[in-house]
Amino acid sequence: QVQLVESGGGLVQAGGALRLSCAASGRTLSSYAMGWFRQPPGKEREFVAAISRSVGSTSYADSVKGRFTISRDNAKRTVYLQMNSLKPEDTAVYYCAARTPPAEFDSWGQGTQVTVSS
């Protein structure tokens, strides 16, 4: 099992940027495909971005394409989410998650709050 700890959240004005980090401990990070999800206030958790075990394949929710970038550094056991051109509707608790394909995401961090003011 892998343990995940997110950091980097905070309050930012619309149009600003933040970089979230997800530090992993336990099993080797390269064993896992990784993802970021978010839960806006009063709404269900939703997919944001994912990256394959080997560096290369990424996918994004339509709402963040062109603004967010997911990346990973397996040597540092860290996954990142660079968020640019932030909008108030990006306000949410952001969660890092891991899975061992073909299984679904089953390891989750505690979340980090991102608040975008207008």
N, C-alpha and C. Protein backbone atom coordinates (compact mmCIF):
# COMPACT_ATOMS: atom_id res chain seq x y z
N GLN A 1 0.84 -1.19 0.00
CA GLN A 1 0.00 0.00 0.00
C GLN A 1 0.88 1.25 0.00
N VAL A 2 0.42 2.30 -0.63
CA VAL A 2 1.15 3.56 -0.70
C VAL A 2 0.41 4.59 0.14
N GLN A 3 1.18 5.44 0.82
CA GLN A 3 0.61 6.54 1.59
C GLN A 3 0.86 7.83 0.84
N LEU A 4 -0.15 8.70 0.78
CA LEU A 4 -0.09 9.91 -0.03
C LEU A 4 -0.37 11.13 0.84
N VAL A 5 0.44 12.17 0.66
CA VAL A 5 0.24 13.42 1.40
C VAL A 5 0.32 14.59 0.42
N GLU A 6 -0.79 15.33 0.31
CA GLU A 6 -0.83 16.48 -0.58
C GLU A 6 -0.37 17.75 0.14
N SER A 7 0.14 18.69 -0.63
CA SER A 7 0.51 20.00 -0.12
C SER A 7 0.45 21.01 -1.25
N GLY A 8 0.51 22.28 -0.90
CA GLY A 8 0.57 23.32 -1.91
C GLY A 8 -0.73 24.09 -2.12
N GLY A 9 -1.79 23.67 -1.46
CA GLY A 9 -3.04 24.40 -1.61
C GLY A 9 -2.98 25.76 -0.94
N GLY A 10 -4.02 26.56 -1.17
CA GLY A 10 -4.07 27.88 -0.56
C GLY A 10 -5.09 28.77 -1.22
N LEU A 11 -5.00 30.06 -0.92
CA LEU A 11 -5.91 31.06 -1.47
C LEU A 11 -5.18 31.83 -2.57
N VAL A 12 -5.82 31.94 -3.72
CA VAL A 12 -5.21 32.65 -4.84
C VAL A 12 -6.31 33.42 -5.58
N GLN A 13 -5.92 34.53 -6.20
CA GLN A 13 -6.88 35.30 -6.99
C GLN A 13 -7.11 34.66 -8.35
N ALA A 14 -8.26 34.90 -8.91
CA ALA A 14 -8.56 34.40 -10.25
C ALA A 14 -7.47 34.86 -11.22
N GLY A 15 -7.07 33.94 -12.08
CA GLY A 15 -5.99 34.20 -13.01
C GLY A 15 -4.62 33.79 -12.50
N GLY A 16 -4.54 33.48 -11.21
CA GLY A 16 -3.28 33.10 -10.61
C GLY A 16 -2.95 31.63 -10.82
N ALA A 17 -1.88 31.19 -10.15
CA ALA A 17 -1.39 29.82 -10.33
C ALA A 17 -1.01 29.21 -8.98
N LEU A 18 -1.11 27.90 -8.91
CA LEU A 18 -0.65 27.13 -7.77
C LEU A 18 -0.06 25.83 -8.28
N ARG A 19 0.88 25.27 -7.53
CA ARG A 19 1.37 23.94 -7.83
C ARG A 19 1.13 23.04 -6.63
N LEU A 20 0.36 22.01 -6.84
CA LEU A 20 0.12 21.02 -5.79
C LEU A 20 1.16 19.91 -5.90
N SER A 21 1.54 19.39 -4.75
CA SER A 21 2.46 18.26 -4.70
C SER A 21 1.81 17.11 -3.95
N CYS A 22 2.16 15.90 -4.33
CA CYS A 22 1.67 14.70 -3.65
C CYS A 22 2.89 13.83 -3.38
N ALA A 23 3.26 13.73 -2.12
CA ALA A 23 4.41 12.93 -1.72
C ALA A 23 3.95 11.53 -1.35
N ALA A 24 4.63 10.54 -1.90
CA ALA A 24 4.25 9.14 -1.69
C ALA A 24 5.28 8.42 -0.84
N SER A 25 4.82 7.56 0.02
CA SER A 25 5.70 6.70 0.80
C SER A 25 5.13 5.28 0.79
N GLY A 26 5.97 4.33 1.08
CA GLY A 26 5.54 2.94 1.02
C GLY A 26 6.15 2.29 -0.21
N ARG A 27 5.31 1.73 -1.03
CA ARG A 27 5.79 1.06 -2.24
C ARG A 27 6.34 2.07 -3.24
N THR A 28 7.16 1.59 -4.14
CA THR A 28 7.78 2.42 -5.17
C THR A 28 6.71 3.14 -5.99
N LEU A 29 6.88 4.45 -6.17
CA LEU A 29 5.87 5.23 -6.86
C LEU A 29 5.66 4.75 -8.29
N SER A 30 6.73 4.28 -8.92
CA SER A 30 6.61 3.85 -10.32
C SER A 30 5.69 2.65 -10.51
N SER A 31 5.28 2.03 -9.40
CA SER A 31 4.34 0.91 -9.48
C SER A 31 2.91 1.38 -9.74
N TYR A 32 2.67 2.68 -9.60
CA TYR A 32 1.31 3.20 -9.59
C TYR A 32 1.05 4.20 -10.72
N ALA A 33 -0.13 4.10 -11.29
CA ALA A 33 -0.67 5.21 -12.05
C ALA A 33 -1.25 6.19 -11.03
N MET A 34 -1.12 7.48 -11.30
CA MET A 34 -1.51 8.49 -10.32
C MET A 34 -2.57 9.43 -10.89
N GLY A 35 -3.34 10.00 -9.98
CA GLY A 35 -4.37 10.93 -10.43
C GLY A 35 -4.63 12.02 -9.42
N TRP A 36 -5.26 13.07 -9.91
CA TRP A 36 -5.75 14.14 -9.06
C TRP A 36 -7.26 14.22 -9.25
N PHE A 37 -7.95 14.38 -8.15
CA PHE A 37 -9.39 14.56 -8.13
C PHE A 37 -9.70 15.80 -7.28
N ARG A 38 -10.92 16.30 -7.38
CA ARG A 38 -11.30 17.43 -6.54
C ARG A 38 -12.76 17.33 -6.14
N GLN A 39 -13.08 17.94 -5.01
CA GLN A 39 -14.46 17.98 -4.54
C GLN A 39 -14.83 19.43 -4.23
N PRO A 40 -15.59 20.05 -5.13
CA PRO A 40 -16.04 21.42 -4.88
C PRO A 40 -17.04 21.45 -3.72
N PRO A 41 -17.25 22.60 -3.11
CA PRO A 41 -18.20 22.70 -1.99
C PRO A 41 -19.60 22.24 -2.39
N GLY A 42 -20.16 21.32 -1.65
CA GLY A 42 -21.51 20.86 -1.89
C GLY A 42 -21.67 19.94 -3.09
N LYS A 43 -20.57 19.51 -3.69
CA LYS A 43 -20.65 18.66 -4.88
C LYS A 43 -19.89 17.36 -4.66
N GLU A 44 -20.05 16.44 -5.61
CA GLU A 44 -19.35 15.17 -5.52
C GLU A 44 -17.91 15.32 -6.03
N ARG A 45 -17.10 14.37 -5.63
CA ARG A 45 -15.72 14.35 -6.10
C ARG A 45 -15.67 14.09 -7.59
N GLU A 46 -14.76 14.77 -8.29
CA GLU A 46 -14.65 14.63 -9.74
C GLU A 46 -13.20 14.46 -10.17
N PHE A 47 -13.04 13.81 -11.31
CA PHE A 47 -11.72 13.59 -11.88
C PHE A 47 -11.14 14.89 -12.41
N VAL A 48 -9.82 15.08 -12.20
CA VAL A 48 -9.13 16.25 -12.73
C VAL A 48 -8.08 15.84 -13.76
N ALA A 49 -7.15 14.95 -13.37
CA ALA A 49 -6.07 14.58 -14.27
C ALA A 49 -5.48 13.25 -13.82
N ALA A 50 -4.82 12.56 -14.75
CA ALA A 50 -4.16 11.30 -14.44
C ALA A 50 -2.90 11.17 -15.27
N ILE A 51 -1.97 10.36 -14.75
CA ILE A 51 -0.72 10.12 -15.46
C ILE A 51 -0.34 8.65 -15.29
N SER A 52 0.18 8.06 -16.34
CA SER A 52 0.51 6.64 -16.33
C SER A 52 1.75 6.38 -15.48
N ARG A 53 2.02 5.09 -15.28
CA ARG A 53 3.15 4.72 -14.42
C ARG A 53 4.47 5.21 -15.01
N SER A 54 4.65 5.01 -16.30
CA SER A 54 5.85 5.53 -16.94
C SER A 54 5.53 6.93 -17.44
N VAL A 55 6.45 7.82 -17.45
CA VAL A 55 6.20 9.20 -17.85
C VAL A 55 5.74 9.24 -19.30
N GLY A 56 4.63 9.89 -19.53
CA GLY A 56 4.19 9.98 -20.91
C GLY A 56 2.71 10.20 -21.04
N SER A 57 1.92 9.19 -20.76
CA SER A 57 0.50 9.26 -21.01
C SER A 57 -0.23 10.03 -19.92
N THR A 58 -0.94 11.08 -20.33
CA THR A 58 -1.73 11.87 -19.39
C THR A 58 -3.14 12.04 -19.92
N SER A 59 -4.05 12.34 -19.02
CA SER A 59 -5.43 12.65 -19.40
C SER A 59 -5.96 13.72 -18.46
N TYR A 60 -6.93 14.50 -18.98
CA TYR A 60 -7.45 15.64 -18.22
C TYR A 60 -8.96 15.75 -18.39
N ALA A 61 -9.59 16.29 -17.36
CA ALA A 61 -10.98 16.67 -17.50
C ALA A 61 -11.07 17.84 -18.46
N ASP A 62 -12.15 17.92 -19.21
CA ASP A 62 -12.31 19.00 -20.19
C ASP A 62 -12.21 20.37 -19.52
N SER A 63 -12.68 20.47 -18.29
CA SER A 63 -12.73 21.75 -17.60
C SER A 63 -11.35 22.32 -17.26
N VAL A 64 -10.32 21.48 -17.29
CA VAL A 64 -8.97 21.95 -16.92
C VAL A 64 -7.97 21.83 -18.06
N LYS A 65 -8.36 21.25 -19.18
CA LYS A 65 -7.43 21.09 -20.31
C LYS A 65 -6.87 22.44 -20.73
N GLY A 66 -5.55 22.47 -20.92
CA GLY A 66 -4.89 23.69 -21.35
C GLY A 66 -4.51 24.60 -20.21
N ARG A 67 -5.02 24.32 -19.00
CA ARG A 67 -4.69 25.16 -17.84
C ARG A 67 -3.90 24.38 -16.78
N PHE A 68 -4.20 23.09 -16.63
CA PHE A 68 -3.55 22.26 -15.61
C PHE A 68 -2.59 21.28 -16.29
N THR A 69 -1.50 20.94 -15.59
CA THR A 69 -0.54 19.96 -16.08
C THR A 69 -0.16 19.02 -14.94
N ILE A 70 -0.35 17.73 -15.18
CA ILE A 70 0.07 16.73 -14.21
C ILE A 70 1.44 16.20 -14.62
N SER A 71 2.30 15.95 -13.64
CA SER A 71 3.62 15.39 -13.91
C SER A 71 4.05 14.57 -12.70
N ARG A 72 5.10 13.80 -12.91
CA ARG A 72 5.59 12.97 -11.82
C ARG A 72 7.10 12.88 -11.85
N ASP A 73 7.70 12.72 -10.68
CA ASP A 73 9.12 12.49 -10.54
C ASP A 73 9.26 11.25 -9.67
N ASN A 74 9.41 10.11 -10.30
CA ASN A 74 9.45 8.85 -9.54
C ASN A 74 10.63 8.80 -8.59
N ALA A 75 11.75 9.40 -8.96
CA ALA A 75 12.92 9.40 -8.08
C ALA A 75 12.64 10.17 -6.80
N LYS A 76 11.85 11.24 -6.91
CA LYS A 76 11.49 12.02 -5.74
C LYS A 76 10.19 11.53 -5.10
N ARG A 77 9.60 10.52 -5.70
CA ARG A 77 8.36 9.93 -5.18
C ARG A 77 7.27 11.00 -5.04
N THR A 78 7.17 11.85 -6.03
CA THR A 78 6.25 12.98 -5.95
C THR A 78 5.51 13.16 -7.28
N VAL A 79 4.24 13.49 -7.15
CA VAL A 79 3.40 13.83 -8.29
C VAL A 79 2.96 15.28 -8.13
N TYR A 80 2.89 15.99 -9.24
CA TYR A 80 2.57 17.42 -9.19
C TYR A 80 1.32 17.71 -10.02
N LEU A 81 0.67 18.80 -9.65
CA LEU A 81 -0.41 19.35 -10.47
C LEU A 81 -0.17 20.85 -10.56
N GLN A 82 0.31 21.29 -11.72
CA GLN A 82 0.50 22.71 -11.96
C GLN A 82 -0.82 23.29 -12.46
N MET A 83 -1.33 24.27 -11.75
CA MET A 83 -2.63 24.86 -12.08
C MET A 83 -2.43 26.32 -12.45
N ASN A 84 -2.70 26.66 -13.69
CA ASN A 84 -2.57 28.03 -14.18
C ASN A 84 -3.95 28.59 -14.54
N SER A 85 -4.01 29.90 -14.68
CA SER A 85 -5.25 30.57 -15.08
C SER A 85 -6.42 30.09 -14.22
N LEU A 86 -6.22 30.11 -12.94
CA LEU A 86 -7.24 29.58 -12.04
C LEU A 86 -8.51 30.41 -12.07
N LYS A 87 -9.63 29.71 -11.91
CA LYS A 87 -10.95 30.33 -11.92
C LYS A 87 -11.65 30.05 -10.58
N PRO A 88 -12.60 30.89 -10.21
CA PRO A 88 -13.33 30.61 -8.96
C PRO A 88 -13.95 29.21 -8.93
N GLU A 89 -14.36 28.69 -10.07
CA GLU A 89 -14.96 27.37 -10.11
C GLU A 89 -13.95 26.24 -9.90
N ASP A 90 -12.67 26.57 -9.82
CA ASP A 90 -11.66 25.56 -9.47
C ASP A 90 -11.56 25.39 -7.96
N THR A 91 -12.27 26.21 -7.19
CA THR A 91 -12.27 26.07 -5.74
C THR A 91 -12.77 24.70 -5.33
N ALA A 92 -11.96 23.99 -4.54
CA ALA A 92 -12.29 22.62 -4.14
C ALA A 92 -11.22 22.10 -3.20
N VAL A 93 -11.52 20.96 -2.61
CA VAL A 93 -10.47 20.17 -1.95
C VAL A 93 -9.90 19.24 -3.01
N TYR A 94 -8.59 19.27 -3.16
CA TYR A 94 -7.92 18.47 -4.18
C TYR A 94 -7.26 17.25 -3.52
N TYR A 95 -7.51 16.10 -4.14
CA TYR A 95 -7.01 14.83 -3.62
C TYR A 95 -6.09 14.17 -4.63
N CYS A 96 -5.03 13.59 -4.12
CA CYS A 96 -4.14 12.75 -4.89
C CYS A 96 -4.58 11.30 -4.71
N ALA A 97 -4.44 10.50 -5.76
CA ALA A 97 -4.86 9.11 -5.69
C ALA A 97 -3.91 8.23 -6.49
N ALA A 98 -3.86 6.96 -6.11
CA ALA A 98 -2.99 5.99 -6.77
C ALA A 98 -3.76 4.73 -7.12
N ARG A 99 -3.35 4.08 -8.19
CA ARG A 99 -3.94 2.79 -8.54
C ARG A 99 -2.90 1.93 -9.21
N THR A 100 -3.12 0.62 -9.12
CA THR A 100 -2.28 -0.34 -9.84
C THR A 100 -3.13 -0.90 -10.96
N PRO A 101 -2.89 -0.45 -12.20
CA PRO A 101 -3.72 -0.91 -13.32
C PRO A 101 -3.79 -2.43 -13.38
N PRO A 102 -4.94 -3.00 -13.71
CA PRO A 102 -6.15 -2.33 -14.19
C PRO A 102 -7.14 -1.93 -13.09
N ALA A 103 -6.73 -2.01 -11.82
CA ALA A 103 -7.65 -1.67 -10.74
C ALA A 103 -7.98 -0.18 -10.76
N GLU A 104 -9.05 0.17 -10.05
CA GLU A 104 -9.43 1.57 -9.92
C GLU A 104 -8.55 2.26 -8.87
N PHE A 105 -8.67 3.57 -8.76
CA PHE A 105 -7.95 4.31 -7.73
C PHE A 105 -8.43 3.85 -6.36
N ASP A 106 -7.48 3.42 -5.52
CA ASP A 106 -7.88 2.88 -4.22
C ASP A 106 -7.03 3.38 -3.07
N SER A 107 -6.06 4.24 -3.33
CA SER A 107 -5.27 4.87 -2.27
C SER A 107 -5.44 6.38 -2.43
N TRP A 108 -5.77 7.03 -1.32
CA TRP A 108 -6.11 8.47 -1.38
C TRP A 108 -5.37 9.24 -0.30
N GLY A 109 -5.02 10.48 -0.62
CA GLY A 109 -4.47 11.38 0.37
C GLY A 109 -5.58 12.04 1.17
N GLN A 110 -5.19 12.93 2.06
CA GLN A 110 -6.17 13.58 2.94
C GLN A 110 -6.78 14.82 2.29
N GLY A 111 -6.18 15.30 1.23
CA GLY A 111 -6.70 16.46 0.52
C GLY A 111 -6.04 17.77 0.92
N THR A 112 -6.07 18.72 0.00
CA THR A 112 -5.56 20.06 0.26
C THR A 112 -6.54 21.06 -0.35
N GLN A 113 -6.85 22.11 0.40
CA GLN A 113 -7.86 23.08 -0.02
C GLN A 113 -7.27 24.10 -0.99
N VAL A 114 -7.97 24.31 -2.08
CA VAL A 114 -7.64 25.37 -3.03
C VAL A 114 -8.84 26.31 -3.11
N THR A 115 -8.60 27.57 -2.87
CA THR A 115 -9.67 28.57 -2.93
C THR A 115 -9.25 29.66 -3.90
N VAL A 116 -10.09 29.91 -4.90
CA VAL A 116 -9.81 30.93 -5.92
C VAL A 116 -10.82 32.05 -5.75
N SER A 117 -10.34 33.24 -5.45
CA SER A 117 -11.24 34.37 -5.25
C SER A 117 -11.41 35.15 -6.55
N SER A 118 -12.58 35.73 -6.70
CA SER A 118 -12.88 36.48 -7.94
C SER A 118 -12.49 37.94 -7.81
